N, C-alpha and C. Protein backbone atom coordinates (compact mmCIF):
# COMPACT_ATOMS: atom_id res chain seq x y z
N UNK A 1 -6.05 7.75 -12.90
CA UNK A 1 -5.05 7.84 -13.82
C UNK A 1 -5.01 6.39 -14.54
N UNK A 2 -4.84 6.44 -15.81
CA UNK A 2 -4.82 5.23 -16.64
C UNK A 2 -3.37 4.60 -16.64
N UNK A 3 -3.17 3.58 -17.42
CA UNK A 3 -1.81 2.97 -17.49
C UNK A 3 -1.23 3.63 -18.80
N UNK A 4 -0.09 3.06 -19.06
CA UNK A 4 0.56 3.46 -20.32
C UNK A 4 2.07 3.60 -19.98
N UNK A 5 2.56 4.76 -19.99
CA UNK A 5 3.96 4.97 -19.76
C UNK A 5 4.35 4.69 -18.39
N UNK A 6 3.43 4.81 -17.42
CA UNK A 6 3.86 4.64 -16.02
C UNK A 6 3.42 3.41 -15.43
N UNK A 7 2.38 2.65 -15.82
CA UNK A 7 2.05 1.30 -15.28
C UNK A 7 1.59 0.33 -16.32
N UNK A 8 1.36 -0.85 -16.02
CA UNK A 8 0.87 -1.75 -16.89
C UNK A 8 -0.55 -2.23 -16.69
N UNK A 9 -1.33 -2.63 -17.56
CA UNK A 9 -2.66 -3.13 -17.29
C UNK A 9 -2.82 -4.14 -16.04
N UNK A 10 -1.80 -4.92 -15.99
CA UNK A 10 -1.79 -5.83 -14.68
C UNK A 10 -1.66 -5.12 -13.38
N UNK A 11 -0.74 -4.15 -13.35
CA UNK A 11 -0.63 -3.21 -12.19
C UNK A 11 -2.04 -2.48 -11.90
N UNK A 12 -2.58 -1.98 -12.97
CA UNK A 12 -3.95 -1.28 -12.73
C UNK A 12 -5.00 -2.14 -12.30
N UNK A 13 -4.93 -3.51 -12.79
CA UNK A 13 -5.91 -4.39 -12.43
C UNK A 13 -5.93 -4.70 -10.89
N UNK A 14 -4.59 -4.88 -10.46
CA UNK A 14 -4.24 -5.07 -8.98
C UNK A 14 -4.68 -3.94 -8.09
N UNK A 15 -4.43 -2.72 -8.75
CA UNK A 15 -4.68 -1.42 -7.91
C UNK A 15 -6.28 -1.26 -7.75
N UNK A 16 -6.96 -1.58 -8.86
CA UNK A 16 -8.54 -1.54 -8.76
C UNK A 16 -8.94 -2.40 -7.62
N UNK A 17 -8.40 -3.70 -7.59
CA UNK A 17 -8.80 -4.63 -6.51
C UNK A 17 -8.51 -4.16 -5.08
N UNK A 18 -7.31 -3.54 -4.94
CA UNK A 18 -6.92 -3.01 -3.76
C UNK A 18 -7.81 -1.89 -3.27
N UNK A 19 -8.21 -0.96 -4.18
CA UNK A 19 -9.09 0.10 -3.86
C UNK A 19 -10.39 -0.44 -3.53
N UNK A 20 -10.99 -1.41 -4.30
CA UNK A 20 -12.26 -1.96 -3.94
C UNK A 20 -12.30 -2.68 -2.64
N UNK A 21 -11.23 -3.43 -2.42
CA UNK A 21 -11.10 -4.07 -1.12
C UNK A 21 -11.14 -3.03 -0.03
N UNK A 22 -10.35 -2.07 -0.12
CA UNK A 22 -10.30 -0.89 0.94
C UNK A 22 -11.64 -0.46 1.18
N UNK A 23 -12.54 -0.13 0.05
CA UNK A 23 -13.84 0.34 0.25
C UNK A 23 -14.65 -0.65 1.05
N UNK A 24 -14.54 -1.94 0.75
CA UNK A 24 -15.37 -2.94 1.46
C UNK A 24 -14.98 -3.01 2.96
N UNK A 25 -13.76 -3.05 3.20
CA UNK A 25 -13.20 -3.11 4.66
C UNK A 25 -13.78 -1.85 5.45
N UNK A 26 -13.57 -0.64 4.74
CA UNK A 26 -14.09 0.57 5.43
C UNK A 26 -15.54 0.67 5.62
N UNK A 27 -16.28 0.08 4.66
CA UNK A 27 -17.75 0.06 4.86
C UNK A 27 -18.19 -0.90 5.84
N UNK A 28 -17.43 -1.98 6.11
CA UNK A 28 -17.75 -2.90 7.22
C UNK A 28 -17.38 -2.35 8.60
N UNK A 29 -16.30 -1.53 8.65
CA UNK A 29 -15.77 -1.32 9.98
C UNK A 29 -15.86 0.17 10.33
N UNK A 30 -15.71 1.01 9.25
CA UNK A 30 -15.70 2.51 9.54
C UNK A 30 -14.32 2.91 10.01
N UNK A 31 -14.16 4.14 10.35
CA UNK A 31 -12.81 4.62 11.01
C UNK A 31 -12.74 4.26 12.36
N UNK A 32 -11.47 4.60 12.84
CA UNK A 32 -11.22 4.35 14.31
C UNK A 32 -10.51 3.26 14.86
N UNK A 33 -10.14 2.22 13.95
CA UNK A 33 -9.54 1.12 14.38
C UNK A 33 -7.99 1.22 14.32
N UNK A 34 -7.25 0.36 14.88
CA UNK A 34 -5.79 0.36 14.70
C UNK A 34 -5.31 0.00 13.36
N UNK A 35 -4.15 0.72 12.89
CA UNK A 35 -3.73 0.19 11.57
C UNK A 35 -3.44 -1.24 11.40
N UNK A 36 -3.06 -1.79 12.38
CA UNK A 36 -2.69 -3.40 12.41
C UNK A 36 -3.95 -4.11 12.02
N UNK A 37 -5.02 -3.64 12.63
CA UNK A 37 -6.35 -4.27 12.26
C UNK A 37 -6.85 -4.23 10.76
N UNK A 38 -6.70 -2.85 10.37
CA UNK A 38 -7.13 -2.67 8.96
C UNK A 38 -6.15 -3.48 8.04
N UNK A 39 -4.83 -3.50 8.36
CA UNK A 39 -3.90 -4.27 7.58
C UNK A 39 -4.34 -5.80 7.44
N UNK A 40 -4.72 -6.33 8.64
CA UNK A 40 -5.16 -7.79 8.60
C UNK A 40 -6.44 -7.95 7.77
N UNK A 41 -7.44 -7.01 7.99
CA UNK A 41 -8.73 -7.09 7.28
C UNK A 41 -8.53 -6.91 5.78
N UNK A 42 -7.66 -6.02 5.26
CA UNK A 42 -7.36 -5.80 3.96
C UNK A 42 -6.69 -7.12 3.32
N UNK A 43 -5.74 -7.70 4.06
CA UNK A 43 -5.17 -8.96 3.67
C UNK A 43 -6.17 -10.00 3.38
N UNK A 44 -7.26 -10.06 4.36
CA UNK A 44 -8.22 -11.18 4.24
C UNK A 44 -9.04 -10.88 2.93
N UNK A 45 -9.42 -9.71 2.73
CA UNK A 45 -10.35 -9.22 1.57
C UNK A 45 -9.40 -9.44 0.25
N UNK A 46 -8.27 -9.15 0.23
CA UNK A 46 -7.49 -9.34 -0.93
C UNK A 46 -7.23 -10.79 -1.24
N UNK A 47 -6.96 -11.66 -0.30
CA UNK A 47 -6.84 -13.14 -0.42
C UNK A 47 -8.11 -13.70 -0.94
N UNK A 48 -9.23 -13.15 -0.48
CA UNK A 48 -10.52 -13.69 -1.03
C UNK A 48 -10.65 -13.50 -2.49
N UNK A 49 -10.05 -12.41 -2.99
CA UNK A 49 -10.13 -12.15 -4.34
C UNK A 49 -9.03 -12.87 -5.17
N UNK A 50 -8.27 -13.83 -4.59
CA UNK A 50 -7.18 -14.57 -5.30
C UNK A 50 -5.95 -13.82 -5.43
N UNK A 51 -5.67 -12.76 -4.85
CA UNK A 51 -4.51 -11.87 -4.82
C UNK A 51 -3.47 -12.51 -3.88
N UNK A 52 -2.22 -12.64 -4.17
CA UNK A 52 -1.18 -12.92 -3.31
C UNK A 52 -0.71 -11.77 -2.54
N UNK A 53 -0.81 -11.80 -1.28
CA UNK A 53 -0.45 -10.62 -0.44
C UNK A 53 0.62 -11.12 0.61
N UNK A 54 1.74 -10.29 0.62
CA UNK A 54 2.71 -10.39 1.55
C UNK A 54 2.67 -9.26 2.53
N UNK A 55 2.69 -9.60 3.87
CA UNK A 55 2.75 -8.57 4.97
C UNK A 55 4.04 -8.27 5.54
N UNK A 56 4.26 -7.10 5.84
CA UNK A 56 5.55 -6.66 6.59
C UNK A 56 6.80 -7.21 5.81
N UNK A 57 6.81 -6.81 4.43
CA UNK A 57 7.90 -7.23 3.61
C UNK A 57 9.17 -6.40 3.85
N UNK A 58 10.25 -6.96 4.08
CA UNK A 58 11.54 -6.26 4.32
C UNK A 58 11.87 -5.60 3.03
N UNK A 59 12.36 -4.34 3.15
CA UNK A 59 12.93 -3.57 1.90
C UNK A 59 14.46 -3.65 2.06
N UNK A 60 14.99 -4.08 1.02
CA UNK A 60 16.57 -4.19 1.04
C UNK A 60 17.05 -2.82 0.89
N UNK A 61 18.19 -2.53 1.69
CA UNK A 61 18.81 -1.32 1.63
C UNK A 61 20.22 -1.62 1.49
N UNK A 62 20.83 -0.91 0.42
CA UNK A 62 22.42 -1.06 0.33
C UNK A 62 22.96 0.28 0.14
N UNK A 63 24.12 0.40 0.59
CA UNK A 63 24.77 1.70 0.45
C UNK A 63 26.17 1.52 0.04
N UNK A 64 26.64 2.16 -1.06
CA UNK A 64 28.06 1.96 -1.48
C UNK A 64 28.32 0.58 -1.62
N UNK A 65 27.49 -0.19 -2.21
CA UNK A 65 27.81 -1.61 -2.41
C UNK A 65 27.58 -2.64 -1.23
N UNK A 66 27.24 -1.99 -0.08
CA UNK A 66 27.18 -2.84 1.21
C UNK A 66 25.66 -2.98 1.66
N UNK A 67 25.30 -4.29 1.86
CA UNK A 67 23.82 -4.45 2.35
C UNK A 67 23.85 -3.86 3.90
N UNK A 68 22.79 -2.99 4.11
CA UNK A 68 22.57 -2.41 5.38
C UNK A 68 21.56 -3.13 6.16
N UNK A 69 21.75 -3.71 7.42
CA UNK A 69 20.79 -4.30 8.10
C UNK A 69 19.88 -3.23 8.85
N UNK A 70 18.70 -3.18 8.34
CA UNK A 70 17.88 -2.12 8.83
C UNK A 70 16.37 -2.80 8.83
N UNK A 71 15.51 -2.13 9.48
CA UNK A 71 14.19 -2.55 9.68
C UNK A 71 13.06 -1.79 8.83
N UNK A 72 13.36 -1.60 7.51
CA UNK A 72 12.44 -1.03 6.56
C UNK A 72 11.44 -2.11 6.16
N UNK A 73 10.22 -1.85 6.31
CA UNK A 73 9.20 -2.89 5.97
C UNK A 73 7.97 -2.22 5.31
N UNK A 74 7.64 -2.79 4.20
CA UNK A 74 6.29 -2.43 3.50
C UNK A 74 5.15 -3.30 4.25
N UNK A 75 4.12 -2.41 4.46
CA UNK A 75 2.91 -3.05 5.07
C UNK A 75 2.45 -4.17 4.25
N UNK A 76 2.09 -3.94 2.88
CA UNK A 76 1.67 -4.99 2.16
C UNK A 76 2.25 -4.94 0.70
N UNK A 77 2.57 -6.12 0.17
CA UNK A 77 3.08 -6.02 -1.18
C UNK A 77 2.03 -7.05 -1.90
N UNK A 78 1.29 -6.52 -2.94
CA UNK A 78 0.27 -7.20 -3.44
C UNK A 78 0.75 -7.68 -4.75
N UNK A 79 0.53 -9.02 -5.15
CA UNK A 79 0.99 -9.61 -6.52
C UNK A 79 2.43 -9.27 -6.74
N UNK A 80 3.22 -9.02 -5.79
CA UNK A 80 4.68 -8.55 -6.02
C UNK A 80 4.67 -7.34 -7.03
N UNK A 81 3.54 -6.55 -7.07
CA UNK A 81 3.61 -5.45 -7.98
C UNK A 81 3.21 -4.08 -7.28
N UNK A 82 2.28 -4.13 -6.37
CA UNK A 82 1.81 -2.91 -5.78
C UNK A 82 2.19 -2.78 -4.31
N UNK A 83 2.81 -1.74 -3.80
CA UNK A 83 3.05 -1.50 -2.35
C UNK A 83 1.87 -0.74 -1.84
N UNK A 84 1.37 -1.28 -0.62
CA UNK A 84 0.33 -0.67 0.18
C UNK A 84 0.76 -0.32 1.44
N UNK A 85 0.54 1.01 1.81
CA UNK A 85 0.92 1.35 3.14
C UNK A 85 -0.41 1.75 3.85
N UNK A 86 -0.69 1.18 4.97
CA UNK A 86 -1.97 1.32 5.72
C UNK A 86 -1.78 2.29 6.88
N UNK A 87 -2.60 3.14 6.99
CA UNK A 87 -2.55 4.22 8.11
C UNK A 87 -3.98 4.29 8.68
N UNK A 88 -4.01 4.76 9.85
CA UNK A 88 -5.23 5.15 10.59
C UNK A 88 -4.87 6.35 11.43
N UNK A 89 -4.77 7.51 10.70
CA UNK A 89 -4.38 8.75 11.34
C UNK A 89 -5.32 9.93 11.15
N UNK A 90 -5.24 10.92 12.00
CA UNK A 90 -6.05 12.10 11.76
C UNK A 90 -5.70 12.80 10.52
N UNK A 91 -4.43 13.04 10.14
CA UNK A 91 -3.89 13.78 9.03
C UNK A 91 -2.86 13.02 8.33
N UNK A 92 -2.76 12.87 6.95
CA UNK A 92 -1.64 12.39 6.32
C UNK A 92 -0.52 13.36 6.25
N UNK A 93 0.63 12.98 6.91
CA UNK A 93 1.84 13.75 6.92
C UNK A 93 2.56 13.57 5.62
N UNK A 94 3.37 14.55 5.05
CA UNK A 94 3.93 14.45 3.85
C UNK A 94 5.10 13.40 3.93
N UNK A 95 5.54 12.98 5.12
CA UNK A 95 6.58 11.89 5.32
C UNK A 95 6.07 10.62 4.78
N UNK A 96 4.74 10.38 4.97
CA UNK A 96 4.15 9.00 4.58
C UNK A 96 4.28 8.91 2.99
N UNK A 97 4.11 9.94 2.31
CA UNK A 97 4.17 9.89 0.77
C UNK A 97 5.74 9.66 0.31
N UNK A 98 6.47 10.36 1.26
CA UNK A 98 7.94 10.29 0.85
C UNK A 98 8.38 8.83 1.28
N UNK A 99 7.88 8.23 2.34
CA UNK A 99 8.20 6.85 2.65
C UNK A 99 7.83 5.95 1.53
N UNK A 100 6.75 5.99 0.91
CA UNK A 100 6.26 5.13 -0.14
C UNK A 100 7.24 5.37 -1.41
N UNK A 101 7.42 6.58 -1.66
CA UNK A 101 8.37 6.77 -2.83
C UNK A 101 9.71 6.08 -2.57
N UNK A 102 10.23 6.28 -1.37
CA UNK A 102 11.41 5.60 -1.18
C UNK A 102 11.36 4.04 -1.25
N UNK A 103 10.28 3.45 -0.70
CA UNK A 103 9.97 2.05 -0.81
C UNK A 103 9.87 1.59 -2.28
N UNK A 104 9.24 2.37 -3.18
CA UNK A 104 9.09 2.08 -4.51
C UNK A 104 10.50 2.14 -5.16
N UNK A 105 11.29 3.09 -4.87
CA UNK A 105 12.60 3.16 -5.55
C UNK A 105 13.51 1.96 -5.06
N UNK A 106 13.53 1.74 -3.72
CA UNK A 106 14.40 0.65 -3.18
C UNK A 106 13.96 -0.85 -3.56
N UNK A 107 12.69 -0.94 -3.82
CA UNK A 107 12.10 -2.30 -4.24
C UNK A 107 11.90 -2.38 -5.72
N UNK A 108 12.16 -1.28 -6.47
CA UNK A 108 12.05 -1.31 -7.96
C UNK A 108 10.58 -1.55 -8.37
N UNK A 109 9.69 -0.98 -7.70
CA UNK A 109 8.26 -1.17 -8.03
C UNK A 109 7.75 0.21 -8.62
N UNK A 110 6.69 0.14 -9.33
CA UNK A 110 6.06 1.33 -9.95
C UNK A 110 5.01 2.15 -9.21
N UNK A 111 4.14 1.36 -8.46
CA UNK A 111 2.95 1.89 -7.91
C UNK A 111 2.78 1.61 -6.46
N UNK A 112 2.50 2.59 -5.62
CA UNK A 112 2.21 2.50 -4.31
C UNK A 112 0.81 3.15 -4.00
N UNK A 113 0.13 2.48 -3.09
CA UNK A 113 -1.13 3.18 -2.62
C UNK A 113 -1.05 3.38 -1.11
N UNK A 114 -1.35 4.50 -0.76
CA UNK A 114 -1.42 4.91 0.67
C UNK A 114 -2.82 4.93 1.04
N UNK A 115 -3.27 4.23 2.11
CA UNK A 115 -4.76 4.13 2.47
C UNK A 115 -4.79 4.54 3.95
N UNK A 116 -5.52 5.62 4.16
CA UNK A 116 -5.82 6.12 5.56
C UNK A 116 -7.30 5.70 5.81
N UNK A 117 -7.37 4.70 6.78
CA UNK A 117 -8.75 4.27 6.98
C UNK A 117 -9.54 5.26 8.05
N UNK A 118 -8.72 6.17 8.61
CA UNK A 118 -9.40 7.07 9.59
C UNK A 118 -9.94 8.22 9.16
N UNK A 119 -10.98 7.97 8.05
CA UNK A 119 -11.64 9.06 7.35
C UNK A 119 -13.13 8.78 7.30
N UNK A 120 -13.97 9.63 7.13
CA UNK A 120 -15.39 9.26 7.03
C UNK A 120 -15.61 8.65 5.78
N UNK A 121 -14.99 9.03 4.68
CA UNK A 121 -15.22 8.51 3.28
C UNK A 121 -13.95 7.96 2.72
N UNK A 122 -13.88 6.66 2.53
CA UNK A 122 -12.52 6.18 2.20
C UNK A 122 -12.03 6.74 0.89
N UNK A 123 -12.70 7.31 0.05
CA UNK A 123 -12.05 7.87 -1.13
C UNK A 123 -11.33 9.00 -0.78
N UNK A 124 -11.43 9.61 0.31
CA UNK A 124 -10.68 10.72 0.83
C UNK A 124 -9.38 10.28 1.48
N UNK A 125 -9.24 8.91 1.86
CA UNK A 125 -8.07 8.41 2.32
C UNK A 125 -7.14 7.64 1.41
N UNK A 126 -7.45 7.78 0.14
CA UNK A 126 -6.64 7.02 -0.89
C UNK A 126 -5.81 7.84 -1.74
N UNK A 127 -4.38 7.60 -1.78
CA UNK A 127 -3.51 8.34 -2.53
C UNK A 127 -2.69 7.32 -3.31
N UNK A 128 -2.61 7.50 -4.64
CA UNK A 128 -1.75 6.79 -5.57
C UNK A 128 -0.38 7.48 -5.74
N UNK A 129 0.63 6.72 -5.57
CA UNK A 129 2.01 7.27 -5.86
C UNK A 129 2.77 6.39 -6.78
N UNK A 130 3.33 7.00 -7.84
CA UNK A 130 3.90 6.33 -8.87
C UNK A 130 5.47 6.73 -9.00
N UNK A 131 6.26 5.75 -9.11
CA UNK A 131 7.69 5.92 -9.29
C UNK A 131 8.13 5.71 -10.68
């Protein structure tokens, strides 16, 4: 999907770097590791590319004007533009996509990428979600 009405050229540039970094990490390790390991490796690879990466970013939640103290956390926020959720699971459950949609809405971001590293071919583990 290109940019235009839904994303910007900068968001797309960051998204391409994220996908390319995921390919590199997966090629080096293959499937079967813990999510936390893939998250760390992806951070290293993205940082090597000069991208700003924040890990375990708290997602603000307010209800009826009141800030709610809860533990919603984004796995990775890249360049303060793209949300990345890292998984290492047998099957992608629909709740994972719903989770990213909610994070996008609450954080006022446009693009999320769900990456499941527990696949034979990483292209099969990538899902773009636009809000």
